[in-house]
Each structure stands twice: as structure tokens, then as C-alpha cells.
Amino acid sequence: MLVVIANNLPPAVRGRMKLWFVEPRANVFVSGVKDSVARSVIDYLFESCPARSGLLIFQRIPIAPGYRIYGKGDTRRRLTEISGLQLVLEKDDMSFDSSSKAQ
């Protein structure tokens, strides 16, 4: 399963996303694609979207904690990893060192 939250997608990418995903809210996409297909979709999004798209992608994985987070551009959130657990922080929270950012 994939959940994609975007700030601004290019029209061609948005059209393709509507083939694979349900869009329950503007710029929030949810899909039950198989894990083997999910990586291809993530690669497509990273290749086809500029940084201004502000992608935040949640992928279901079969090991704890059950998800993997990917980000590209200004997501209005900061990704960090603490003891192997990925977290999404508000940018206003500067209590964590920026060197601990997740990719």
C-alpha cells in the first residue's frame, strides 16, 4: 500500500496517479498496489516530479514498524530517524539535530 501526499504535482503525473490511486482529498493519494509495484511507482514519482511537488510517501513494508517514509522537496514537514524509527516532525520543532534527517 502507498499513501502519497503532495503540494503540487505536474499535470501529467497527476493524471497518471489517478490511474493507480484513489484521491480522497486534494493532493492525497492512496493505493493498494503490490509491494513489487510500489517501488516502481516511487521511482516514477521521484524521476517525474520536481522538488516543488513536495512529495511525502508512506509505503507499507512487512517488517516493523510497518512503513517506510520517503520525502522530496518542501514537504512542510521534516523527516527524521530515531533508533531506526522514522518520524515526521513539524518544521517549527528544532529540538532535533538536522543531521538525523531521513532520506
PDB file of N, CA and C in Angstrom:
ATOM      1  N   MET A   1       0.841  -1.172   0.000  1.00  0.00           N
ATOM      2  CA  MET A   1       0.000   0.000   0.000  1.00  0.00           C
ATOM      3  C   MET A   1       0.887   1.237   0.000  1.00  0.00           C
ATOM      4  N   LEU A   2       0.457   2.242  -0.715  1.00  0.00           N
ATOM      5  CA  LEU A   2       1.155   3.529  -0.772  1.00  0.00           C
ATOM      6  C   LEU A   2       0.183   4.659  -0.452  1.00  0.00           C
ATOM      7  N   VAL A   3       0.679   5.634   0.286  1.00  0.00           N
ATOM      8  CA  VAL A   3      -0.043   6.881   0.503  1.00  0.00           C
ATOM      9  C   VAL A   3       0.908   7.990   0.071  1.00  0.00           C
ATOM     10  N   VAL A   4       0.451   8.848  -0.831  1.00  0.00           N
ATOM     11  CA  VAL A   4       1.264   9.945  -1.346  1.00  0.00           C
ATOM     12  C   VAL A   4       0.556  11.255  -1.019  1.00  0.00           C
ATOM     13  N   ILE A   5       1.308  12.151  -0.379  1.00  0.00           N
ATOM     14  CA  ILE A   5       0.802  13.495  -0.093  1.00  0.00           C
ATOM     15  C   ILE A   5       1.707  14.453  -0.853  1.00  0.00           C
ATOM     16  N   ALA A   6       1.110  15.340  -1.631  1.00  0.00           N
ATOM     17  CA  ALA A   6       1.894  16.246  -2.470  1.00  0.00           C
ATOM     18  C   ALA A   6       1.401  17.676  -2.303  1.00  0.00           C
ATOM     19  N   ASN A   7       2.314  18.613  -2.521  1.00  0.00           N
ATOM     20  CA  ASN A   7       1.934  20.026  -2.517  1.00  0.00           C
ATOM     21  C   ASN A   7       1.428  20.449  -3.885  1.00  0.00           C
ATOM     22  N   ASN A   8       2.134  20.014  -4.946  1.00  0.00           N
ATOM     23  CA  ASN A   8       1.816  20.459  -6.293  1.00  0.00           C
ATOM     24  C   ASN A   8       2.403  19.465  -7.288  1.00  0.00           C
ATOM     25  N   LEU A   9       1.566  18.676  -7.939  1.00  0.00           N
ATOM     26  CA  LEU A   9       2.037  17.696  -8.917  1.00  0.00           C
ATOM     27  C   LEU A   9       1.918  18.243 -10.333  1.00  0.00           C
ATOM     28  N   PRO A  10       2.861  17.897 -11.206  1.00  0.00           N
ATOM     29  CA  PRO A  10       2.710  18.253 -12.615  1.00  0.00           C
ATOM     30  C   PRO A  10       1.444  17.576 -13.170  1.00  0.00           C
ATOM     31  N   PRO A  11       0.742  18.213 -14.121  1.00  0.00           N
ATOM     32  CA  PRO A  11      -0.499  17.650 -14.660  1.00  0.00           C
ATOM     33  C   PRO A  11      -0.353  16.225 -15.198  1.00  0.00           C
ATOM     34  N   ALA A  12       0.743  15.923 -15.892  1.00  0.00           N
ATOM     35  CA  ALA A  12       0.924  14.570 -16.448  1.00  0.00           C
ATOM     36  C   ALA A  12       1.053  13.525 -15.336  1.00  0.00           C
ATOM     37  N   VAL A  13       1.748  13.868 -14.280  1.00  0.00           N
ATOM     38  CA  VAL A  13       1.912  12.941 -13.148  1.00  0.00           C
ATOM     39  C   VAL A  13       0.581  12.768 -12.424  1.00  0.00           C
ATOM     40  N   ARG A  14      -0.128  13.870 -12.228  1.00  0.00           N
ATOM     41  CA  ARG A  14      -1.432  13.805 -11.557  1.00  0.00           C
ATOM     42  C   ARG A  14      -2.397  12.900 -12.324  1.00  0.00           C
ATOM     43  N   GLY A  15      -2.405  13.007 -13.639  1.00  0.00           N
ATOM     44  CA  GLY A  15      -3.268  12.157 -14.457  1.00  0.00           C
ATOM     45  C   GLY A  15      -2.918  10.687 -14.325  1.00  0.00           C
ATOM     46  N   ARG A  16      -1.628  10.389 -14.314  1.00  0.00           N
ATOM     47  CA  ARG A  16      -1.186   9.001 -14.159  1.00  0.00           C
ATOM     48  C   ARG A  16      -1.498   8.475 -12.759  1.00  0.00           C
ATOM     49  N   MET A  17      -1.370   9.340 -11.759  1.00  0.00           N
ATOM     50  CA  MET A  17      -1.673   8.943 -10.380  1.00  0.00           C
ATOM     51  C   MET A  17      -3.132   8.520 -10.244  1.00  0.00           C
ATOM     52  N   LYS A  18      -4.007   9.186 -10.974  1.00  0.00           N
ATOM     53  CA  LYS A  18      -5.430   8.851 -10.893  1.00  0.00           C
ATOM     54  C   LYS A  18      -5.734   7.478 -11.480  1.00  0.00           C
ATOM     55  N   LEU A  19      -4.811   6.919 -12.265  1.00  0.00           N
ATOM     56  CA  LEU A  19      -4.980   5.551 -12.771  1.00  0.00           C
ATOM     57  C   LEU A  19      -4.696   4.521 -11.679  1.00  0.00           C
ATOM     58  N   TRP A  20      -3.732   4.810 -10.820  1.00  0.00           N
ATOM     59  CA  TRP A  20      -3.271   3.866  -9.801  1.00  0.00           C
ATOM     60  C   TRP A  20      -3.869   4.104  -8.429  1.00  0.00           C
ATOM     61  N   PHE A  21      -4.289   5.342  -8.154  1.00  0.00           N
ATOM     62  CA  PHE A  21      -4.646   5.752  -6.806  1.00  0.00           C
ATOM     63  C   PHE A  21      -6.064   6.293  -6.714  1.00  0.00           C
ATOM     64  N   VAL A  22      -6.601   6.283  -5.505  1.00  0.00           N
ATOM     65  CA  VAL A  22      -7.833   6.983  -5.168  1.00  0.00           C
ATOM     66  C   VAL A  22      -7.392   8.297  -4.534  1.00  0.00           C
ATOM     67  N   GLU A  23      -8.082   9.375  -4.829  1.00  0.00           N
ATOM     68  CA  GLU A  23      -7.734  10.687  -4.288  1.00  0.00           C
ATOM     69  C   GLU A  23      -8.845  11.136  -3.335  1.00  0.00           C
ATOM     70  N   PRO A  24      -8.793  10.707  -2.038  1.00  0.00           N
ATOM     71  CA  PRO A  24      -9.873  11.048  -1.111  1.00  0.00           C
ATOM     72  C   PRO A  24      -9.938  12.534  -0.766  1.00  0.00           C
ATOM     73  N   ARG A  25      -8.810  13.230  -0.840  1.00  0.00           N
ATOM     74  CA  ARG A  25      -8.728  14.680  -0.643  1.00  0.00           C
ATOM     75  C   ARG A  25      -7.771  15.224  -1.684  1.00  0.00           C
ATOM     76  N   ALA A  26      -7.830  16.496  -1.918  1.00  0.00           N
ATOM     77  CA  ALA A  26      -6.931  17.109  -2.902  1.00  0.00           C
ATOM     78  C   ALA A  26      -5.474  16.833  -2.529  1.00  0.00           C
ATOM     79  N   ASN A  27      -4.723  16.304  -3.487  1.00  0.00           N
ATOM     80  CA  ASN A  27      -3.295  16.016  -3.350  1.00  0.00           C
ATOM     81  C   ASN A  27      -2.955  14.951  -2.308  1.00  0.00           C
ATOM     82  N   VAL A  28      -3.909  14.123  -1.954  1.00  0.00           N
ATOM     83  CA  VAL A  28      -3.670  12.951  -1.100  1.00  0.00           C
ATOM     84  C   VAL A  28      -4.114  11.738  -1.909  1.00  0.00           C
ATOM     85  N   PHE A  29      -3.183  10.825  -2.162  1.00  0.00           N
ATOM     86  CA  PHE A  29      -3.454   9.666  -2.997  1.00  0.00           C
ATOM     87  C   PHE A  29      -3.198   8.389  -2.211  1.00  0.00           C
ATOM     88  N   VAL A  30      -4.113   7.412  -2.345  1.00  0.00           N
ATOM     89  CA  VAL A  30      -3.998   6.140  -1.629  1.00  0.00           C
ATOM     90  C   VAL A  30      -4.174   5.011  -2.636  1.00  0.00           C
ATOM     91  N   SER A  31      -3.290   4.005  -2.553  1.00  0.00           N
ATOM     92  CA  SER A  31      -3.374   2.875  -3.461  1.00  0.00           C
ATOM     93  C   SER A  31      -2.980   1.586  -2.747  1.00  0.00           C
ATOM     94  N   GLY A  32      -3.575   0.511  -3.170  1.00  0.00           N
ATOM     95  CA  GLY A  32      -3.245  -0.805  -2.639  1.00  0.00           C
ATOM     96  C   GLY A  32      -2.350  -1.587  -3.576  1.00  0.00           C
ATOM     97  N   VAL A  33      -1.472  -0.912  -4.323  1.00  0.00           N
ATOM     98  CA  VAL A  33      -0.587  -1.616  -5.252  1.00  0.00           C
ATOM     99  C   VAL A  33       0.282  -2.613  -4.487  1.00  0.00           C
ATOM    100  N   LYS A  34       0.652  -3.680  -5.166  1.00  0.00           N
ATOM    101  CA  LYS A  34       1.510  -4.692  -4.551  1.00  0.00           C
ATOM    102  C   LYS A  34       2.863  -4.095  -4.215  1.00  0.00           C
ATOM    103  N   ASP A  35       3.525  -4.714  -3.249  1.00  0.00           N
ATOM    104  CA  ASP A  35       4.836  -4.229  -2.824  1.00  0.00           C
ATOM    105  C   ASP A  35       5.837  -4.203  -3.977  1.00  0.00           C
ATOM    106  N   SER A  36       5.735  -5.176  -4.881  1.00  0.00           N
ATOM    107  CA  SER A  36       6.669  -5.237  -6.010  1.00  0.00           C
ATOM    108  C   SER A  36       6.452  -4.079  -6.987  1.00  0.00           C
ATOM    109  N   VAL A  37       5.236  -3.582  -7.067  1.00  0.00           N
ATOM    110  CA  VAL A  37       4.915  -2.467  -7.955  1.00  0.00           C
ATOM    111  C   VAL A  37       5.173  -1.131  -7.259  1.00  0.00           C
ATOM    112  N   ALA A  38       5.061  -1.120  -5.939  1.00  0.00           N
ATOM    113  CA  ALA A  38       5.201   0.124  -5.184  1.00  0.00           C
ATOM    114  C   ALA A  38       6.542   0.795  -5.441  1.00  0.00           C
ATOM    115  N   ARG A  39       7.616   0.034  -5.481  1.00  0.00           N
ATOM    116  CA  ARG A  39       8.937   0.615  -5.700  1.00  0.00           C
ATOM    117  C   ARG A  39       9.018   1.284  -7.074  1.00  0.00           C
ATOM    118  N   SER A  40       8.386   0.682  -8.087  1.00  0.00           N
ATOM    119  CA  SER A  40       8.366   1.285  -9.425  1.00  0.00           C
ATOM    120  C   SER A  40       7.601   2.604  -9.420  1.00  0.00           C
ATOM    121  N   VAL A  41       6.502   2.644  -8.690  1.00  0.00           N
ATOM    122  CA  VAL A  41       5.709   3.866  -8.601  1.00  0.00           C
ATOM    123  C   VAL A  41       6.512   4.957  -7.887  1.00  0.00           C
ATOM    124  N   ILE A  42       7.188   4.592  -6.797  1.00  0.00           N
ATOM    125  CA  ILE A  42       8.008   5.566  -6.065  1.00  0.00           C
ATOM    126  C   ILE A  42       9.126   6.100  -6.959  1.00  0.00           C
ATOM    127  N   ASP A  43       9.795   5.219  -7.689  1.00  0.00           N
ATOM    128  CA  ASP A  43      10.852   5.654  -8.610  1.00  0.00           C
ATOM    129  C   ASP A  43      10.295   6.608  -9.669  1.00  0.00           C
ATOM    130  N   TYR A  44       9.115   6.282 -10.223  1.00  0.00           N
ATOM    131  CA  TYR A  44       8.475   7.137 -11.221  1.00  0.00           C
ATOM    132  C   TYR A  44       8.216   8.532 -10.639  1.00  0.00           C
ATOM    133  N   LEU A  45       7.682   8.585  -9.429  1.00  0.00           N
ATOM    134  CA  LEU A  45       7.380   9.875  -8.807  1.00  0.00           C
ATOM    135  C   LEU A  45       8.641  10.701  -8.576  1.00  0.00           C
ATOM    136  N   PHE A  46       9.709  10.059  -8.100  1.00  0.00           N
ATOM    137  CA  PHE A  46      10.949  10.791  -7.848  1.00  0.00           C
ATOM    138  C   PHE A  46      11.596  11.274  -9.142  1.00  0.00           C
ATOM    139  N   GLU A  47      11.468  10.536 -10.228  1.00  0.00           N
ATOM    140  CA  GLU A  47      12.037  10.947 -11.515  1.00  0.00           C
ATOM    141  C   GLU A  47      11.201  12.026 -12.194  1.00  0.00           C
ATOM    142  N   SER A  48       9.873  11.975 -12.014  1.00  0.00           N
ATOM    143  CA  SER A  48       8.971  12.830 -12.780  1.00  0.00           C
ATOM    144  C   SER A  48       8.523  14.099 -12.069  1.00  0.00           C
ATOM    145  N   CYS A  49       8.783  14.204 -10.785  1.00  0.00           N
ATOM    146  CA  CYS A  49       8.307  15.358 -10.029  1.00  0.00           C
ATOM    147  C   CYS A  49       9.460  16.264  -9.610  1.00  0.00           C
ATOM    148  N   PRO A  50       9.327  17.550  -9.843  1.00  0.00           N
ATOM    149  CA  PRO A  50      10.357  18.478  -9.358  1.00  0.00           C
ATOM    150  C   PRO A  50      10.237  18.633  -7.842  1.00  0.00           C
ATOM    151  N   ALA A  51      11.242  19.240  -7.238  1.00  0.00           N
ATOM    152  CA  ALA A  51      11.261  19.414  -5.785  1.00  0.00           C
ATOM    153  C   ALA A  51      10.054  20.208  -5.282  1.00  0.00           C
ATOM    154  N   ARG A  52       9.537  21.128  -6.093  1.00  0.00           N
ATOM    155  CA  ARG A  52       8.395  21.935  -5.655  1.00  0.00           C
ATOM    156  C   ARG A  52       7.124  21.099  -5.469  1.00  0.00           C
ATOM    157  N   SER A  53       7.141  19.843  -5.938  1.00  0.00           N
ATOM    158  CA  SER A  53       5.992  18.957  -5.748  1.00  0.00           C
ATOM    159  C   SER A  53       5.785  18.620  -4.282  1.00  0.00           C
ATOM    160  N   GLY A  54       6.834  18.667  -3.487  1.00  0.00           N
ATOM    161  CA  GLY A  54       6.718  18.420  -2.060  1.00  0.00           C
ATOM    162  C   GLY A  54       6.134  17.053  -1.732  1.00  0.00           C
ATOM    163  N   LEU A  55       6.750  16.003  -2.233  1.00  0.00           N
ATOM    164  CA  LEU A  55       6.222  14.654  -2.025  1.00  0.00           C
ATOM    165  C   LEU A  55       6.524  14.123  -0.630  1.00  0.00           C
ATOM    166  N   LEU A  56       5.535  13.479  -0.045  1.00  0.00           N
ATOM    167  CA  LEU A  56       5.683  12.725   1.183  1.00  0.00           C
ATOM    168  C   LEU A  56       4.989  11.394   0.914  1.00  0.00           C
ATOM    169  N   ILE A  57       5.769  10.308   0.903  1.00  0.00           N
ATOM    170  CA  ILE A  57       5.255   8.998   0.508  1.00  0.00           C
ATOM    171  C   ILE A  57       5.399   8.029   1.674  1.00  0.00           C
ATOM    172  N   PHE A  58       4.320   7.339   1.989  1.00  0.00           N
ATOM    173  CA  PHE A  58       4.323   6.297   3.008  1.00  0.00           C
ATOM    174  C   PHE A  58       4.111   4.958   2.305  1.00  0.00           C
ATOM    175  N   GLN A  59       5.050   4.039   2.493  1.00  0.00           N
ATOM    176  CA  GLN A  59       4.970   2.713   1.877  1.00  0.00           C
ATOM    177  C   GLN A  59       4.837   1.660   2.975  1.00  0.00           C
ATOM    178  N   ARG A  60       3.893   0.755   2.809  1.00  0.00           N
ATOM    179  CA  ARG A  60       3.757  -0.356   3.746  1.00  0.00           C
ATOM    180  C   ARG A  60       4.891  -1.326   3.500  1.00  0.00           C
ATOM    181  N   ILE A  61       5.518  -1.796   4.579  1.00  0.00           N
ATOM    182  CA  ILE A  61       6.567  -2.811   4.468  1.00  0.00           C
ATOM    183  C   ILE A  61       6.256  -3.923   5.470  1.00  0.00           C
ATOM    184  N   PRO A  62       6.754  -5.138   5.206  1.00  0.00           N
ATOM    185  CA  PRO A  62       6.382  -6.280   6.047  1.00  0.00           C
ATOM    186  C   PRO A  62       7.143  -6.403   7.370  1.00  0.00           C
ATOM    187  N   ILE A  63       8.043  -5.472   7.678  1.00  0.00           N
ATOM    188  CA  ILE A  63       8.780  -5.538   8.935  1.00  0.00           C
ATOM    189  C   ILE A  63       8.449  -4.313   9.787  1.00  0.00           C
ATOM    190  N   ALA A  64       8.722  -4.411  11.079  1.00  0.00           N
ATOM    191  CA  ALA A  64       8.412  -3.317  11.996  1.00  0.00           C
ATOM    192  C   ALA A  64       9.160  -2.060  11.580  1.00  0.00           C
ATOM    193  N   PRO A  65       8.573  -0.924  11.641  1.00  0.00           N
ATOM    194  CA  PRO A  65       7.288  -0.574  12.223  1.00  0.00           C
ATOM    195  C   PRO A  65       6.111  -0.728  11.258  1.00  0.00           C
ATOM    196  N   GLY A  66       6.341  -1.264  10.067  1.00  0.00           N
ATOM    197  CA  GLY A  66       5.269  -1.498   9.110  1.00  0.00           C
ATOM    198  C   GLY A  66       5.161  -0.469   8.006  1.00  0.00           C
ATOM    199  N   TYR A  67       6.039   0.521   8.013  1.00  0.00           N
ATOM    200  CA  TYR A  67       6.011   1.551   6.982  1.00  0.00           C
ATOM    201  C   TYR A  67       7.407   2.107   6.750  1.00  0.00           C
ATOM    202  N   ARG A  68       7.575   2.738   5.575  1.00  0.00           N
ATOM    203  CA  ARG A  68       8.801   3.458   5.212  1.00  0.00           C
ATOM    204  C   ARG A  68       8.353   4.796   4.666  1.00  0.00           C
ATOM    205  N   ILE A  69       9.038   5.860   5.038  1.00  0.00           N
ATOM    206  CA  ILE A  69       8.668   7.203   4.603  1.00  0.00           C
ATOM    207  C   ILE A  69       9.726   7.737   3.639  1.00  0.00           C
ATOM    208  N   TYR A  70       9.269   8.319   2.531  1.00  0.00           N
ATOM    209  CA  TYR A  70      10.143   8.967   1.563  1.00  0.00           C
ATOM    210  C   TYR A  70       9.679  10.416   1.427  1.00  0.00           C
ATOM    211  N   GLY A  71      10.603  11.328   1.208  1.00  0.00           N
ATOM    212  CA  GLY A  71      10.242  12.724   1.012  1.00  0.00           C
ATOM    213  C   GLY A  71      11.083  13.344  -0.086  1.00  0.00           C
ATOM    214  N   LYS A  72      10.495  14.318  -0.778  1.00  0.00           N
ATOM    215  CA  LYS A  72      11.226  15.052  -1.818  1.00  0.00           C
ATOM    216  C   LYS A  72      10.727  16.487  -1.832  1.00  0.00           C
ATOM    217  N   GLY A  73      11.662  17.409  -1.757  1.00  0.00           N
ATOM    218  CA  GLY A  73      11.299  18.819  -1.822  1.00  0.00           C
ATOM    219  C   GLY A  73      10.749  19.327  -0.503  1.00  0.00           C
ATOM    220  N   ASP A  74      10.045  20.441  -0.562  1.00  0.00           N
ATOM    221  CA  ASP A  74       9.472  21.054   0.627  1.00  0.00           C
ATOM    222  C   ASP A  74       8.180  20.345   0.982  1.00  0.00           C
ATOM    223  N   THR A  75       8.247  19.473   1.973  1.00  0.00           N
ATOM    224  CA  THR A  75       7.062  18.722   2.388  1.00  0.00           C
ATOM    225  C   THR A  75       6.318  19.417   3.520  1.00  0.00           C
ATOM    226  N   ARG A  76       6.839  20.556   3.974  1.00  0.00           N
ATOM    227  CA  ARG A  76       6.298  21.292   5.112  1.00  0.00           C
ATOM    228  C   ARG A  76       6.430  20.491   6.402  1.00  0.00           C
ATOM    229  N   ARG A  77       7.151  19.409   6.308  1.00  0.00           N
ATOM    230  CA  ARG A  77       7.445  18.564   7.459  1.00  0.00           C
ATOM    231  C   ARG A  77       8.905  18.166   7.367  1.00  0.00           C
ATOM    232  N   ARG A  78       9.463  17.721   8.459  1.00  0.00           N
ATOM    233  CA  ARG A  78      10.844  17.257   8.457  1.00  0.00           C
ATOM    234  C   ARG A  78      10.860  15.789   8.815  1.00  0.00           C
ATOM    235  N   LEU A  79      11.579  14.993   8.033  1.00  0.00           N
ATOM    236  CA  LEU A  79      11.704  13.566   8.313  1.00  0.00           C
ATOM    237  C   LEU A  79      12.936  13.346   9.165  1.00  0.00           C
ATOM    238  N   THR A  80      12.821  12.492  10.157  1.00  0.00           N
ATOM    239  CA  THR A  80      13.957  12.160  10.991  1.00  0.00           C
ATOM    240  C   THR A  80      13.884  10.684  11.365  1.00  0.00           C
ATOM    241  N   GLU A  81      14.999  10.146  11.779  1.00  0.00           N
ATOM    242  CA  GLU A  81      15.036   8.745  12.192  1.00  0.00           C
ATOM    243  C   GLU A  81      15.669   8.680  13.577  1.00  0.00           C
ATOM    244  N   ILE A  82      14.964   8.071  14.507  1.00  0.00           N
ATOM    245  CA  ILE A  82      15.443   7.917  15.870  1.00  0.00           C
ATOM    246  C   ILE A  82      15.391   6.443  16.223  1.00  0.00           C
ATOM    247  N   SER A  83      16.534   5.871  16.514  1.00  0.00           N
ATOM    248  CA  SER A  83      16.639   4.447  16.867  1.00  0.00           C
ATOM    249  C   SER A  83      15.984   3.553  15.819  1.00  0.00           C
ATOM    250  N   GLY A  84      16.144   3.921  14.548  1.00  0.00           N
ATOM    251  CA  GLY A  84      15.606   3.114  13.457  1.00  0.00           C
ATOM    252  C   GLY A  84      14.140   3.360  13.149  1.00  0.00           C
ATOM    253  N   LEU A  85      13.472   4.232  13.894  1.00  0.00           N
ATOM    254  CA  LEU A  85      12.068   4.541  13.673  1.00  0.00           C
ATOM    255  C   LEU A  85      11.965   5.878  12.959  1.00  0.00           C
ATOM    256  N   GLN A  86      11.332   5.879  11.773  1.00  0.00           N
ATOM    257  CA  GLN A  86      11.164   7.118  11.022  1.00  0.00           C
ATOM    258  C   GLN A  86      10.000   7.915  11.596  1.00  0.00           C
ATOM    259  N   LEU A  87      10.205   9.197  11.739  1.00  0.00           N
ATOM    260  CA  LEU A  87       9.176  10.086  12.273  1.00  0.00           C
ATOM    261  C   LEU A  87       9.041  11.312  11.395  1.00  0.00           C
ATOM    262  N   VAL A  88       7.869  11.925  11.418  1.00  0.00           N
ATOM    263  CA  VAL A  88       7.610  13.159  10.697  1.00  0.00           C
ATOM    264  C   VAL A  88       7.435  14.252  11.743  1.00  0.00           C
ATOM    265  N   LEU A  89       8.286  15.283  11.671  1.00  0.00           N
ATOM    266  CA  LEU A  89       8.263  16.381  12.637  1.00  0.00           C
ATOM    267  C   LEU A  89       7.783  17.654  11.981  1.00  0.00           C
ATOM    268  N   GLU A  90       7.138  18.486  12.769  1.00  0.00           N
ATOM    269  CA  GLU A  90       6.804  19.819  12.302  1.00  0.00           C
ATOM    270  C   GLU A  90       8.105  20.586  12.155  1.00  0.00           C
ATOM    271  N   LYS A  91       8.247  21.421  11.145  1.00  0.00           N
ATOM    272  CA  LYS A  91       9.488  22.168  10.945  1.00  0.00           C
ATOM    273  C   LYS A  91       9.757  23.146  12.075  1.00  0.00           C
ATOM    274  N   ASP A  92       8.750  23.577  12.798  1.00  0.00           N
ATOM    275  CA  ASP A  92       8.947  24.505  13.901  1.00  0.00           C
ATOM    276  C   ASP A  92       9.673  23.859  15.070  1.00  0.00           C
ATOM    277  N   ASP A  93       9.639  22.520  15.148  1.00  0.00           N
ATOM    278  CA  ASP A  93      10.295  21.804  16.240  1.00  0.00           C
ATOM    279  C   ASP A  93      11.768  21.645  15.911  1.00  0.00           C
ATOM    280  N   MET A  94      12.611  22.503  16.457  1.00  0.00           N
ATOM    281  CA  MET A  94      14.038  22.471  16.159  1.00  0.00           C
ATOM    282  C   MET A  94      14.834  21.779  17.259  1.00  0.00           C
ATOM    283  N   SER A  95      14.166  20.956  18.067  1.00  0.00           N
ATOM    284  CA  SER A  95      14.862  20.297  19.172  1.00  0.00           C
ATOM    285  C   SER A  95      15.710  19.135  18.712  1.00  0.00           C
ATOM    286  N   PHE A  96      15.533  18.669  17.473  1.00  0.00           N
ATOM    287  CA  PHE A  96      16.323  17.563  16.939  1.00  0.00           C
ATOM    288  C   PHE A  96      17.394  18.088  15.994  1.00  0.00           C
ATOM    289  N   ASP A  97      18.544  17.448  16.006  1.00  0.00           N
ATOM    290  CA  ASP A  97      19.665  17.801  15.145  1.00  0.00           C
ATOM    291  C   ASP A  97      19.305  17.537  13.701  1.00  0.00           C
ATOM    292  N   SER A  98      19.584  18.455  12.794  1.00  0.00           N
ATOM    293  CA  SER A  98      19.237  18.283  11.374  1.00  0.00           C
ATOM    294  C   SER A  98      20.066  17.190  10.722  1.00  0.00           C
ATOM    295  N   SER A  99      21.155  16.746  11.336  1.00  0.00           N
ATOM    296  CA  SER A  99      21.963  15.676  10.742  1.00  0.00           C
ATOM    297  C   SER A  99      21.264  14.324  10.839  1.00  0.00           C
ATOM    298  N   SER A 100      20.173  14.228  11.581  1.00  0.00           N
ATOM    299  CA  SER A 100      19.480  12.955  11.713  1.00  0.00           C
ATOM    300  C   SER A 100      18.347  12.800  10.708  1.00  0.00           C
ATOM    301  N   LYS A 101      18.306  13.674   9.686  1.00  0.00           N
ATOM    302  CA  LYS A 101      17.261  13.606   8.669  1.00  0.00           C
ATOM    303  C   LYS A 101      17.282  12.276   7.942  1.00  0.00           C
ATOM    304  N   ALA A 102      16.073  11.711   7.660  1.00  0.00           N
ATOM    305  CA  ALA A 102      15.951  10.500   6.851  1.00  0.00           C
ATOM    306  C   ALA A 102      15.884  10.895   5.389  1.00  0.00           C
ATOM    307  N   GLN A 103      16.217   9.990   4.524  1.00  0.00           N
ATOM    308  CA  GLN A 103      16.171  10.271   3.080  1.00  0.00           C
ATOM    309  C   GLN A 103      14.800  10.015   2.546  1.00  0.00           C
TER     310      GLN A 103
END
